[in-house]
Amino acid sequence: MNSNLSAAQSQMVPPARLVQDITSRYRLSSSSKLLDIGGGEMVTRFRARGITAFGVHDGPAPPRDPYAAQPAMIEIPEQQPALLHQGLPFPAQSFDCVLLRETKTYAGSLTSPEACTATANLLASLKPGGILLWCVPVSRDAFSVHLSCFPGQSQILTVGRGGIFGALLRVVGIGRNSGQPAIEFKLPQEPISRLEWHRIARNAVMAAQQPAA
């Protein structure tokens, strides 16, 4: 697999197939909560399967705390703007899965304070044992460096390959390159506080700023 996750390749995967694969792969159900980072119709598709899903996209306004006026998570709008490094408008440990598809936050250096803080916010929003599915184009080497300081397990995989039907197509030579390269990051079962995630992120930034020996 190429060391870069291809944005062009990700566009080849129909949203319906991506939703079906993620739902099946992580056994998402009506009791599951998912956060989609990116625009489009993904949240609507997940909700159509009975999953409690919400979406966040890059926006110019900092996030607000919706719980002051809307105590129930289900009352939060499906899509709302947020700057990932400034925080997410959800309590810590809210989601079983966070799907990261489109964001400007990781366009620059993955060792920047903004990138490290954004990742801390995403990980803090997950329940213990939750999954961060990273579909943003980034090299494997850069990703490994970025996440090496965060507790959890990562692996490279391909999502949206179409299940049995997709496998049959690949056997006959059709859709050989189908699917989207992604990086799965699984949190430990032990709870980690938002404060601790941010402490880890600060240490990562400080380590990256240290001059090489």
N, C-alpha and C. Protein backbone atom coordinates (compact mmCIF):
# COMPACT_ATOMS: atom_id res chain seq x y z
N MET A 1 0.85 -1.20 0.00
CA MET A 1 0.00 0.00 0.00
C MET A 1 0.88 1.24 0.00
N ASN A 2 0.48 2.21 -0.78
CA ASN A 2 1.22 3.46 -0.81
C ASN A 2 1.23 4.08 0.57
N SER A 3 2.35 4.77 0.91
CA SER A 3 2.45 5.36 2.24
C SER A 3 1.51 6.54 2.42
N ASN A 4 0.95 7.06 1.33
CA ASN A 4 0.00 8.16 1.43
C ASN A 4 -1.41 7.66 1.25
N LEU A 5 -2.33 8.13 2.08
CA LEU A 5 -3.73 7.81 1.91
C LEU A 5 -4.28 8.71 0.82
N SER A 6 -4.75 8.12 -0.25
CA SER A 6 -5.11 8.88 -1.44
C SER A 6 -6.48 9.52 -1.33
N ALA A 7 -6.52 10.85 -1.48
CA ALA A 7 -7.80 11.56 -1.47
C ALA A 7 -8.62 11.18 -2.68
N ALA A 8 -7.94 11.01 -3.83
CA ALA A 8 -8.65 10.63 -5.05
C ALA A 8 -9.30 9.27 -4.89
N GLN A 9 -8.57 8.33 -4.22
CA GLN A 9 -9.12 7.01 -4.03
C GLN A 9 -10.33 7.04 -3.11
N SER A 10 -10.29 7.93 -2.11
CA SER A 10 -11.41 7.98 -1.17
C SER A 10 -12.69 8.42 -1.87
N GLN A 11 -12.56 9.21 -2.93
CA GLN A 11 -13.73 9.68 -3.65
C GLN A 11 -14.37 8.56 -4.46
N MET A 12 -13.63 7.44 -4.68
CA MET A 12 -14.14 6.33 -5.46
C MET A 12 -15.09 5.46 -4.64
N VAL A 13 -15.06 5.58 -3.33
CA VAL A 13 -15.88 4.74 -2.47
C VAL A 13 -17.24 5.41 -2.27
N PRO A 14 -18.32 4.80 -2.73
CA PRO A 14 -19.65 5.40 -2.54
C PRO A 14 -19.95 5.53 -1.05
N PRO A 15 -20.57 6.64 -0.63
CA PRO A 15 -20.88 6.83 0.79
C PRO A 15 -21.69 5.68 1.38
N ALA A 16 -22.64 5.14 0.61
CA ALA A 16 -23.48 4.05 1.12
C ALA A 16 -22.64 2.83 1.48
N ARG A 17 -21.64 2.54 0.64
CA ARG A 17 -20.79 1.38 0.90
C ARG A 17 -19.89 1.62 2.10
N LEU A 18 -19.40 2.85 2.24
CA LEU A 18 -18.56 3.19 3.38
C LEU A 18 -19.36 3.07 4.68
N VAL A 19 -20.58 3.57 4.68
CA VAL A 19 -21.44 3.48 5.87
C VAL A 19 -21.74 2.03 6.21
N GLN A 20 -22.05 1.23 5.19
CA GLN A 20 -22.36 -0.18 5.42
C GLN A 20 -21.17 -0.91 6.03
N ASP A 21 -19.98 -0.67 5.50
CA ASP A 21 -18.79 -1.35 5.99
C ASP A 21 -18.48 -0.95 7.43
N ILE A 22 -18.51 0.35 7.71
CA ILE A 22 -18.19 0.83 9.06
C ILE A 22 -19.21 0.31 10.07
N THR A 23 -20.49 0.32 9.69
CA THR A 23 -21.53 -0.18 10.58
C THR A 23 -21.32 -1.64 10.92
N SER A 24 -20.97 -2.43 9.90
CA SER A 24 -20.76 -3.86 10.10
C SER A 24 -19.45 -4.14 10.84
N ARG A 25 -18.39 -3.46 10.44
CA ARG A 25 -17.06 -3.70 11.00
C ARG A 25 -17.03 -3.45 12.51
N TYR A 26 -17.69 -2.38 12.94
CA TYR A 26 -17.65 -2.01 14.36
C TYR A 26 -18.95 -2.33 15.09
N ARG A 27 -19.82 -3.10 14.43
CA ARG A 27 -21.06 -3.57 15.04
C ARG A 27 -21.86 -2.42 15.66
N LEU A 28 -22.01 -1.37 14.89
CA LEU A 28 -22.76 -0.22 15.37
C LEU A 28 -24.26 -0.53 15.34
N SER A 29 -24.96 -0.09 16.36
CA SER A 29 -26.39 -0.39 16.48
C SER A 29 -27.12 0.83 17.03
N SER A 30 -28.37 0.64 17.39
CA SER A 30 -29.17 1.75 17.91
C SER A 30 -28.63 2.28 19.23
N SER A 31 -27.82 1.50 19.90
CA SER A 31 -27.23 1.95 21.17
C SER A 31 -25.87 2.61 20.96
N SER A 32 -25.40 2.68 19.71
CA SER A 32 -24.08 3.24 19.41
C SER A 32 -24.18 4.74 19.11
N LYS A 33 -23.10 5.44 19.41
CA LYS A 33 -23.01 6.87 19.09
C LYS A 33 -21.77 7.10 18.23
N LEU A 34 -21.96 7.83 17.13
CA LEU A 34 -20.88 8.08 16.18
C LEU A 34 -20.77 9.56 15.89
N LEU A 35 -19.54 10.04 15.76
CA LEU A 35 -19.28 11.42 15.37
C LEU A 35 -18.55 11.42 14.04
N ASP A 36 -19.11 12.11 13.05
CA ASP A 36 -18.50 12.22 11.72
C ASP A 36 -17.88 13.59 11.57
N ILE A 37 -16.58 13.64 11.28
CA ILE A 37 -15.89 14.90 11.03
C ILE A 37 -15.80 15.09 9.53
N GLY A 38 -16.60 15.97 8.98
CA GLY A 38 -16.65 16.19 7.55
C GLY A 38 -18.08 16.54 7.14
N GLY A 39 -18.23 17.11 5.98
CA GLY A 39 -19.55 17.49 5.52
C GLY A 39 -20.23 16.36 4.77
N GLY A 40 -21.32 16.70 4.10
CA GLY A 40 -22.02 15.73 3.28
C GLY A 40 -23.15 15.03 4.01
N GLU A 41 -23.51 13.87 3.48
CA GLU A 41 -24.72 13.18 3.91
C GLU A 41 -24.44 11.98 4.82
N MET A 42 -23.21 11.84 5.30
CA MET A 42 -22.85 10.66 6.08
C MET A 42 -23.69 10.52 7.34
N VAL A 43 -23.91 11.63 8.05
CA VAL A 43 -24.68 11.58 9.29
C VAL A 43 -26.09 11.08 9.01
N THR A 44 -26.71 11.59 7.97
CA THR A 44 -28.07 11.16 7.61
C THR A 44 -28.10 9.67 7.30
N ARG A 45 -27.08 9.18 6.62
CA ARG A 45 -27.03 7.76 6.27
C ARG A 45 -26.86 6.88 7.51
N PHE A 46 -26.01 7.31 8.44
CA PHE A 46 -25.86 6.54 9.67
C PHE A 46 -27.14 6.56 10.49
N ARG A 47 -27.80 7.71 10.55
CA ARG A 47 -29.05 7.81 11.31
C ARG A 47 -30.14 6.95 10.70
N ALA A 48 -30.11 6.80 9.37
CA ALA A 48 -31.10 5.95 8.72
C ALA A 48 -30.95 4.49 9.14
N ARG A 49 -29.77 4.13 9.65
CA ARG A 49 -29.53 2.78 10.15
C ARG A 49 -29.81 2.67 11.65
N GLY A 50 -30.35 3.72 12.24
CA GLY A 50 -30.71 3.69 13.64
C GLY A 50 -29.60 4.09 14.59
N ILE A 51 -28.46 4.51 14.06
CA ILE A 51 -27.32 4.90 14.88
C ILE A 51 -27.46 6.36 15.29
N THR A 52 -27.14 6.66 16.53
CA THR A 52 -27.14 8.05 16.99
C THR A 52 -25.87 8.71 16.48
N ALA A 53 -26.00 9.52 15.45
CA ALA A 53 -24.83 10.10 14.77
C ALA A 53 -24.94 11.62 14.72
N PHE A 54 -23.78 12.26 14.82
CA PHE A 54 -23.69 13.72 14.72
C PHE A 54 -22.50 14.07 13.83
N GLY A 55 -22.55 15.25 13.24
CA GLY A 55 -21.49 15.67 12.34
C GLY A 55 -20.91 17.01 12.74
N VAL A 56 -19.61 17.14 12.54
CA VAL A 56 -18.90 18.40 12.77
C VAL A 56 -18.08 18.69 11.53
N HIS A 57 -18.08 19.94 11.08
CA HIS A 57 -17.25 20.34 9.95
C HIS A 57 -16.49 21.59 10.32
N ASP A 58 -15.37 21.81 9.65
CA ASP A 58 -14.56 22.99 9.92
C ASP A 58 -15.38 24.25 9.71
N GLY A 59 -15.39 25.12 10.70
CA GLY A 59 -16.14 26.36 10.60
C GLY A 59 -15.41 27.50 11.26
N PRO A 60 -15.74 28.74 10.91
CA PRO A 60 -15.01 29.89 11.43
C PRO A 60 -15.34 30.21 12.88
N ALA A 61 -16.47 29.76 13.37
CA ALA A 61 -16.88 30.13 14.73
C ALA A 61 -16.44 29.05 15.71
N PRO A 62 -15.95 29.44 16.88
CA PRO A 62 -15.59 28.44 17.89
C PRO A 62 -16.84 27.72 18.39
N PRO A 63 -16.69 26.48 18.84
CA PRO A 63 -17.87 25.73 19.28
C PRO A 63 -18.46 26.30 20.56
N ARG A 64 -19.74 26.11 20.73
CA ARG A 64 -20.41 26.52 21.95
C ARG A 64 -20.79 25.27 22.74
N ASP A 65 -21.17 25.46 23.97
CA ASP A 65 -21.64 24.36 24.80
C ASP A 65 -23.15 24.26 24.66
N PRO A 66 -23.65 23.27 23.92
CA PRO A 66 -25.10 23.20 23.69
C PRO A 66 -25.87 22.72 24.90
N TYR A 67 -25.17 22.20 25.90
CA TYR A 67 -25.87 21.58 27.02
C TYR A 67 -26.45 22.60 28.00
N ALA A 68 -26.06 23.85 27.86
CA ALA A 68 -26.66 24.88 28.71
C ALA A 68 -28.15 25.01 28.41
N ALA A 69 -28.52 24.88 27.14
CA ALA A 69 -29.92 25.02 26.75
C ALA A 69 -30.51 23.71 26.25
N GLN A 70 -29.65 22.74 25.88
CA GLN A 70 -30.11 21.49 25.31
C GLN A 70 -29.43 20.33 26.03
N PRO A 71 -29.99 19.87 27.12
CA PRO A 71 -29.32 18.85 27.92
C PRO A 71 -29.25 17.48 27.27
N ALA A 72 -30.13 17.17 26.32
CA ALA A 72 -30.13 15.86 25.69
C ALA A 72 -29.31 15.88 24.42
N MET A 73 -28.42 14.89 24.26
CA MET A 73 -27.56 14.86 23.09
C MET A 73 -28.36 14.81 21.80
N ILE A 74 -29.50 14.14 21.82
CA ILE A 74 -30.28 13.98 20.61
C ILE A 74 -30.81 15.31 20.10
N GLU A 75 -30.81 16.34 20.93
CA GLU A 75 -31.33 17.64 20.52
C GLU A 75 -30.29 18.48 19.78
N ILE A 76 -29.05 18.05 19.78
CA ILE A 76 -28.01 18.82 19.09
C ILE A 76 -28.23 18.71 17.59
N PRO A 77 -28.06 19.78 16.83
CA PRO A 77 -28.23 19.70 15.38
C PRO A 77 -27.33 18.65 14.75
N GLU A 78 -27.78 18.08 13.64
CA GLU A 78 -26.99 17.04 12.98
C GLU A 78 -25.60 17.54 12.60
N GLN A 79 -25.54 18.73 12.02
CA GLN A 79 -24.27 19.27 11.55
C GLN A 79 -24.05 20.64 12.18
N GLN A 80 -22.83 20.89 12.63
CA GLN A 80 -22.51 22.21 13.17
C GLN A 80 -21.02 22.46 13.00
N PRO A 81 -20.64 23.74 12.92
CA PRO A 81 -19.23 24.06 12.74
C PRO A 81 -18.45 23.93 14.04
N ALA A 82 -17.18 23.60 13.92
CA ALA A 82 -16.30 23.55 15.08
C ALA A 82 -14.86 23.60 14.60
N LEU A 83 -14.01 24.20 15.39
CA LEU A 83 -12.58 24.17 15.14
C LEU A 83 -12.01 23.10 16.06
N LEU A 84 -11.49 22.03 15.49
CA LEU A 84 -11.15 20.85 16.27
C LEU A 84 -10.14 21.14 17.38
N HIS A 85 -9.20 22.05 17.13
CA HIS A 85 -8.20 22.32 18.16
C HIS A 85 -8.74 23.20 19.28
N GLN A 86 -9.90 23.82 19.06
CA GLN A 86 -10.52 24.64 20.11
C GLN A 86 -11.49 23.84 20.98
N GLY A 87 -11.86 22.68 20.53
CA GLY A 87 -12.76 21.84 21.32
C GLY A 87 -13.94 21.35 20.52
N LEU A 88 -14.63 20.36 21.06
CA LEU A 88 -15.82 19.80 20.44
C LEU A 88 -17.03 20.08 21.33
N PRO A 89 -18.18 20.34 20.73
CA PRO A 89 -19.37 20.66 21.52
C PRO A 89 -20.09 19.43 22.06
N PHE A 90 -19.32 18.50 22.60
CA PHE A 90 -19.87 17.28 23.18
C PHE A 90 -19.09 16.95 24.45
N PRO A 91 -19.72 16.29 25.40
CA PRO A 91 -19.00 15.90 26.61
C PRO A 91 -17.93 14.85 26.30
N ALA A 92 -16.97 14.71 27.19
CA ALA A 92 -15.95 13.68 27.05
C ALA A 92 -16.60 12.30 27.12
N GLN A 93 -15.98 11.35 26.43
CA GLN A 93 -16.40 9.94 26.43
C GLN A 93 -17.85 9.78 25.99
N SER A 94 -18.20 10.46 24.89
CA SER A 94 -19.58 10.40 24.37
C SER A 94 -19.77 9.35 23.30
N PHE A 95 -18.71 9.05 22.51
CA PHE A 95 -18.89 8.30 21.27
C PHE A 95 -18.17 6.96 21.28
N ASP A 96 -18.78 6.02 20.55
CA ASP A 96 -18.15 4.71 20.33
C ASP A 96 -17.18 4.78 19.16
N CYS A 97 -17.46 5.65 18.20
CA CYS A 97 -16.63 5.75 17.00
C CYS A 97 -16.59 7.20 16.53
N VAL A 98 -15.41 7.66 16.16
CA VAL A 98 -15.23 8.97 15.53
C VAL A 98 -14.66 8.73 14.14
N LEU A 99 -15.37 9.19 13.13
CA LEU A 99 -14.95 9.04 11.74
C LEU A 99 -14.39 10.37 11.26
N LEU A 100 -13.10 10.40 11.00
CA LEU A 100 -12.43 11.63 10.57
C LEU A 100 -12.21 11.56 9.07
N ARG A 101 -12.99 12.33 8.29
CA ARG A 101 -12.93 12.26 6.83
C ARG A 101 -12.37 13.53 6.20
N GLU A 102 -12.90 14.67 6.59
CA GLU A 102 -12.50 15.93 5.96
C GLU A 102 -12.27 16.99 7.02
N THR A 103 -11.09 17.57 7.02
CA THR A 103 -10.78 18.65 7.94
C THR A 103 -9.53 19.38 7.45
N LYS A 104 -9.48 20.67 7.73
CA LYS A 104 -8.30 21.46 7.38
C LYS A 104 -7.25 21.41 8.49
N THR A 105 -7.63 20.87 9.64
CA THR A 105 -6.75 20.91 10.80
C THR A 105 -5.43 20.21 10.55
N TYR A 106 -5.46 19.11 9.81
CA TYR A 106 -4.26 18.30 9.61
C TYR A 106 -3.57 18.57 8.28
N ALA A 107 -3.88 19.71 7.67
CA ALA A 107 -3.26 20.04 6.39
C ALA A 107 -1.79 20.41 6.55
N GLY A 108 -1.41 20.90 7.72
CA GLY A 108 -0.03 21.29 7.97
C GLY A 108 0.73 20.23 8.73
N SER A 109 1.63 20.66 9.58
CA SER A 109 2.46 19.73 10.35
C SER A 109 1.63 19.00 11.39
N LEU A 110 1.84 17.69 11.49
CA LEU A 110 1.12 16.90 12.48
C LEU A 110 1.73 17.03 13.87
N THR A 111 2.84 17.74 13.98
CA THR A 111 3.45 17.99 15.30
C THR A 111 3.12 19.39 15.80
N SER A 112 2.27 20.11 15.08
CA SER A 112 1.90 21.47 15.50
C SER A 112 0.99 21.41 16.73
N PRO A 113 0.95 22.48 17.53
CA PRO A 113 0.04 22.51 18.68
C PRO A 113 -1.41 22.30 18.27
N GLU A 114 -1.81 22.87 17.12
CA GLU A 114 -3.20 22.73 16.68
C GLU A 114 -3.53 21.26 16.38
N ALA A 115 -2.63 20.58 15.67
CA ALA A 115 -2.89 19.18 15.31
C ALA A 115 -2.93 18.29 16.54
N CYS A 116 -1.96 18.46 17.43
CA CYS A 116 -1.91 17.62 18.64
C CYS A 116 -3.10 17.86 19.55
N THR A 117 -3.50 19.13 19.69
CA THR A 117 -4.66 19.45 20.53
C THR A 117 -5.94 18.93 19.90
N ALA A 118 -6.05 19.02 18.58
CA ALA A 118 -7.23 18.49 17.89
C ALA A 118 -7.36 16.99 18.12
N THR A 119 -6.25 16.28 18.01
CA THR A 119 -6.29 14.83 18.24
C THR A 119 -6.67 14.51 19.68
N ALA A 120 -6.15 15.29 20.62
CA ALA A 120 -6.52 15.09 22.03
C ALA A 120 -8.02 15.28 22.22
N ASN A 121 -8.60 16.28 21.56
CA ASN A 121 -10.04 16.52 21.68
C ASN A 121 -10.85 15.37 21.08
N LEU A 122 -10.39 14.85 19.93
CA LEU A 122 -11.09 13.73 19.30
C LEU A 122 -11.03 12.49 20.19
N LEU A 123 -9.85 12.19 20.72
CA LEU A 123 -9.69 11.00 21.56
C LEU A 123 -10.47 11.14 22.86
N ALA A 124 -10.51 12.36 23.40
CA ALA A 124 -11.26 12.59 24.64
C ALA A 124 -12.76 12.39 24.44
N SER A 125 -13.24 12.58 23.22
CA SER A 125 -14.68 12.43 22.96
C SER A 125 -15.10 10.97 22.87
N LEU A 126 -14.12 10.05 22.79
CA LEU A 126 -14.41 8.63 22.65
C LEU A 126 -14.57 7.95 24.01
N LYS A 127 -15.43 6.95 24.04
CA LYS A 127 -15.55 6.11 25.22
C LYS A 127 -14.31 5.21 25.33
N PRO A 128 -14.01 4.67 26.51
CA PRO A 128 -12.92 3.70 26.62
C PRO A 128 -13.13 2.54 25.64
N GLY A 129 -12.06 2.18 24.92
CA GLY A 129 -12.17 1.14 23.92
C GLY A 129 -12.75 1.61 22.60
N GLY A 130 -13.03 2.92 22.48
CA GLY A 130 -13.62 3.47 21.26
C GLY A 130 -12.63 3.51 20.10
N ILE A 131 -13.16 3.82 18.92
CA ILE A 131 -12.38 3.78 17.68
C ILE A 131 -12.34 5.16 17.04
N LEU A 132 -11.12 5.62 16.72
CA LEU A 132 -10.92 6.77 15.84
C LEU A 132 -10.53 6.22 14.48
N LEU A 133 -11.37 6.43 13.48
CA LEU A 133 -11.09 5.96 12.12
C LEU A 133 -10.63 7.14 11.29
N TRP A 134 -9.35 7.15 10.96
CA TRP A 134 -8.69 8.28 10.32
C TRP A 134 -8.65 8.06 8.82
N CYS A 135 -9.46 8.79 8.07
CA CYS A 135 -9.52 8.67 6.61
C CYS A 135 -8.97 9.91 5.91
N VAL A 136 -8.33 10.81 6.66
CA VAL A 136 -7.73 12.01 6.08
C VAL A 136 -6.42 11.63 5.40
N PRO A 137 -6.17 12.11 4.17
CA PRO A 137 -4.91 11.79 3.49
C PRO A 137 -3.70 12.23 4.31
N VAL A 138 -2.86 11.28 4.67
CA VAL A 138 -1.65 11.57 5.45
C VAL A 138 -0.72 10.37 5.31
N SER A 139 0.57 10.61 5.33
CA SER A 139 1.50 9.49 5.19
C SER A 139 1.50 8.64 6.45
N ARG A 140 1.78 7.36 6.27
CA ARG A 140 1.82 6.46 7.42
C ARG A 140 2.92 6.87 8.40
N ASP A 141 4.05 7.29 7.86
CA ASP A 141 5.16 7.71 8.73
C ASP A 141 4.75 8.90 9.59
N ALA A 142 4.12 9.90 8.96
CA ALA A 142 3.70 11.09 9.71
C ALA A 142 2.65 10.73 10.74
N PHE A 143 1.76 9.83 10.38
CA PHE A 143 0.72 9.40 11.32
C PHE A 143 1.34 8.69 12.52
N SER A 144 2.31 7.81 12.25
CA SER A 144 2.94 7.06 13.33
C SER A 144 3.63 7.99 14.32
N VAL A 145 4.31 9.00 13.79
CA VAL A 145 4.98 9.97 14.66
C VAL A 145 3.94 10.74 15.47
N HIS A 146 2.86 11.12 14.81
CA HIS A 146 1.83 11.92 15.47
C HIS A 146 1.16 11.17 16.62
N LEU A 147 0.85 9.90 16.41
CA LEU A 147 0.10 9.15 17.41
C LEU A 147 0.96 8.33 18.36
N SER A 148 2.26 8.33 18.15
CA SER A 148 3.12 7.47 18.96
C SER A 148 3.08 7.81 20.45
N CYS A 149 2.73 9.03 20.78
CA CYS A 149 2.70 9.43 22.20
C CYS A 149 1.35 9.20 22.85
N PHE A 150 0.32 8.91 22.05
CA PHE A 150 -1.02 8.70 22.61
C PHE A 150 -1.23 7.22 22.90
N PRO A 151 -1.76 6.87 24.08
CA PRO A 151 -2.01 5.46 24.38
C PRO A 151 -3.13 4.89 23.52
N GLY A 152 -2.86 3.74 22.92
CA GLY A 152 -3.82 3.10 22.05
C GLY A 152 -3.11 2.24 21.03
N GLN A 153 -3.87 1.55 20.19
CA GLN A 153 -3.32 0.66 19.18
C GLN A 153 -3.80 1.11 17.80
N SER A 154 -2.88 1.17 16.84
CA SER A 154 -3.24 1.61 15.49
C SER A 154 -2.93 0.51 14.49
N GLN A 155 -3.68 0.52 13.40
CA GLN A 155 -3.42 -0.40 12.30
C GLN A 155 -3.92 0.21 11.00
N ILE A 156 -3.26 -0.16 9.90
CA ILE A 156 -3.68 0.26 8.57
C ILE A 156 -4.71 -0.73 8.06
N LEU A 157 -5.78 -0.23 7.49
CA LEU A 157 -6.79 -1.10 6.91
C LEU A 157 -7.45 -0.42 5.72
N THR A 158 -8.33 -1.13 5.05
CA THR A 158 -9.08 -0.59 3.92
C THR A 158 -10.56 -0.73 4.22
N VAL A 159 -11.28 0.36 4.11
CA VAL A 159 -12.72 0.35 4.39
C VAL A 159 -13.50 0.59 3.10
N GLY A 160 -14.75 0.13 3.09
CA GLY A 160 -15.61 0.35 1.94
C GLY A 160 -15.29 -0.51 0.75
N ARG A 161 -14.87 -1.75 1.00
CA ARG A 161 -14.49 -2.63 -0.11
C ARG A 161 -15.66 -3.43 -0.65
N GLY A 162 -16.83 -3.27 -0.06
CA GLY A 162 -18.01 -3.90 -0.64
C GLY A 162 -18.32 -5.30 -0.14
N GLY A 163 -17.69 -5.75 0.92
CA GLY A 163 -18.01 -7.05 1.51
C GLY A 163 -17.78 -8.20 0.54
N ILE A 164 -18.67 -9.20 0.57
CA ILE A 164 -18.53 -10.39 -0.27
C ILE A 164 -18.61 -10.03 -1.74
N PHE A 165 -19.53 -9.12 -2.08
CA PHE A 165 -19.68 -8.72 -3.49
C PHE A 165 -18.41 -8.05 -3.99
N GLY A 166 -17.83 -7.18 -3.18
CA GLY A 166 -16.58 -6.54 -3.57
C GLY A 166 -15.46 -7.53 -3.72
N ALA A 167 -15.42 -8.55 -2.84
CA ALA A 167 -14.38 -9.57 -2.94
C ALA A 167 -14.52 -10.37 -4.23
N LEU A 168 -15.76 -10.69 -4.62
CA LEU A 168 -15.98 -11.41 -5.87
C LEU A 168 -15.52 -10.60 -7.07
N LEU A 169 -15.77 -9.28 -7.04
CA LEU A 169 -15.33 -8.43 -8.14
C LEU A 169 -13.82 -8.40 -8.23
N ARG A 170 -13.14 -8.40 -7.09
CA ARG A 170 -11.68 -8.36 -7.11
C ARG A 170 -11.11 -9.68 -7.61
N VAL A 171 -11.81 -10.79 -7.35
CA VAL A 171 -11.35 -12.09 -7.82
C VAL A 171 -11.32 -12.13 -9.34
N VAL A 172 -12.31 -11.52 -9.97
CA VAL A 172 -12.37 -11.52 -11.44
C VAL A 172 -11.65 -10.32 -12.04
N GLY A 173 -10.95 -9.56 -11.19
CA GLY A 173 -10.13 -8.46 -11.69
C GLY A 173 -10.83 -7.14 -11.81
N ILE A 174 -12.03 -7.02 -11.25
CA ILE A 174 -12.76 -5.76 -11.29
C ILE A 174 -12.73 -5.14 -9.90
N GLY A 175 -12.47 -3.84 -9.84
CA GLY A 175 -12.45 -3.18 -8.54
C GLY A 175 -11.27 -3.58 -7.69
N ARG A 176 -10.16 -3.89 -8.35
CA ARG A 176 -8.99 -4.36 -7.61
C ARG A 176 -8.50 -3.33 -6.61
N ASN A 177 -8.63 -2.06 -6.95
CA ASN A 177 -8.16 -1.00 -6.07
C ASN A 177 -9.30 -0.35 -5.29
N SER A 178 -10.42 -1.05 -5.24
CA SER A 178 -11.56 -0.45 -4.55
C SER A 178 -11.30 -0.39 -3.06
N GLY A 179 -12.03 0.48 -2.41
CA GLY A 179 -11.84 0.67 -0.98
C GLY A 179 -10.99 1.88 -0.68
N GLN A 180 -11.08 2.32 0.55
CA GLN A 180 -10.36 3.51 0.98
C GLN A 180 -9.36 3.16 2.08
N PRO A 181 -8.08 3.44 1.86
CA PRO A 181 -7.11 3.22 2.93
C PRO A 181 -7.46 4.09 4.13
N ALA A 182 -7.36 3.52 5.30
CA ALA A 182 -7.69 4.24 6.53
C ALA A 182 -6.77 3.76 7.64
N ILE A 183 -6.76 4.50 8.72
CA ILE A 183 -5.97 4.13 9.89
C ILE A 183 -6.92 4.06 11.08
N GLU A 184 -6.95 2.90 11.70
CA GLU A 184 -7.80 2.68 12.87
C GLU A 184 -6.97 2.85 14.14
N PHE A 185 -7.48 3.65 15.06
CA PHE A 185 -6.80 3.84 16.35
C PHE A 185 -7.79 3.47 17.45
N LYS A 186 -7.46 2.42 18.20
CA LYS A 186 -8.35 1.90 19.24
C LYS A 186 -7.85 2.32 20.61
N LEU A 187 -8.73 2.93 21.39
CA LEU A 187 -8.37 3.39 22.72
C LEU A 187 -8.27 2.23 23.71
N PRO A 188 -7.49 2.41 24.77
CA PRO A 188 -7.46 1.39 25.83
C PRO A 188 -8.81 1.30 26.53
N GLN A 189 -9.03 0.20 27.22
CA GLN A 189 -10.28 0.02 27.96
C GLN A 189 -10.32 0.87 29.23
N GLU A 190 -9.14 1.26 29.72
CA GLU A 190 -9.10 2.09 30.92
C GLU A 190 -9.49 3.53 30.57
N PRO A 191 -10.38 4.15 31.33
CA PRO A 191 -10.78 5.54 31.05
C PRO A 191 -9.60 6.50 31.16
N ILE A 192 -9.56 7.46 30.25
CA ILE A 192 -8.54 8.52 30.28
C ILE A 192 -9.28 9.85 30.24
N SER A 193 -8.97 10.74 31.15
CA SER A 193 -9.69 12.01 31.25
C SER A 193 -9.29 12.95 30.12
N ARG A 194 -10.14 13.93 29.86
CA ARG A 194 -9.82 14.96 28.87
C ARG A 194 -8.54 15.70 29.27
N LEU A 195 -8.40 15.97 30.56
CA LEU A 195 -7.20 16.66 31.04
C LEU A 195 -5.94 15.87 30.73
N GLU A 196 -6.00 14.56 30.89
CA GLU A 196 -4.83 13.72 30.62
C GLU A 196 -4.52 13.68 29.13
N TRP A 197 -5.54 13.61 28.28
CA TRP A 197 -5.30 13.64 26.83
C TRP A 197 -4.58 14.93 26.44
N HIS A 198 -4.98 16.04 27.05
CA HIS A 198 -4.36 17.32 26.73
C HIS A 198 -2.94 17.41 27.30
N ARG A 199 -2.71 16.78 28.43
CA ARG A 199 -1.35 16.75 28.97
C ARG A 199 -0.43 15.98 28.03
N ILE A 200 -0.92 14.87 27.49
CA ILE A 200 -0.15 14.07 26.54
C ILE A 200 0.13 14.89 25.28
N ALA A 201 -0.88 15.63 24.81
CA ALA A 201 -0.70 16.46 23.61
C ALA A 201 0.35 17.54 23.85
N ARG A 202 0.32 18.19 25.01
CA ARG A 202 1.32 19.22 25.31
C ARG A 202 2.72 18.64 25.34
N ASN A 203 2.86 17.46 25.92
CA ASN A 203 4.17 16.81 25.95
C ASN A 203 4.66 16.49 24.54
N ALA A 204 3.74 16.10 23.67
CA ALA A 204 4.11 15.79 22.29
C ALA A 204 4.61 17.03 21.57
N VAL A 205 3.94 18.15 21.78
CA VAL A 205 4.36 19.41 21.16
C VAL A 205 5.72 19.83 21.68
N MET A 206 5.93 19.74 22.98
CA MET A 206 7.20 20.13 23.58
C MET A 206 8.34 19.24 23.08
N ALA A 207 8.07 17.94 22.95
CA ALA A 207 9.09 17.02 22.45
C ALA A 207 9.46 17.34 21.00
N ALA A 208 8.46 17.70 20.20
CA ALA A 208 8.72 18.02 18.79
C ALA A 208 9.52 19.31 18.65
N GLN A 209 9.40 20.20 19.62
CA GLN A 209 10.10 21.49 19.55
C GLN A 209 11.52 21.42 20.09
N GLN A 210 11.87 20.30 20.73
CA GLN A 210 13.22 20.15 21.26
C GLN A 210 14.21 20.00 20.12
N PRO A 211 15.35 20.69 20.17
CA PRO A 211 16.35 20.52 19.11
C PRO A 211 16.92 19.12 19.12
N ALA A 212 17.23 18.61 17.94
CA ALA A 212 17.79 17.26 17.83
C ALA A 212 19.15 17.20 18.52
N ALA A 213 19.40 16.09 19.19
CA ALA A 213 20.66 15.94 19.92
C ALA A 213 21.82 15.74 18.95
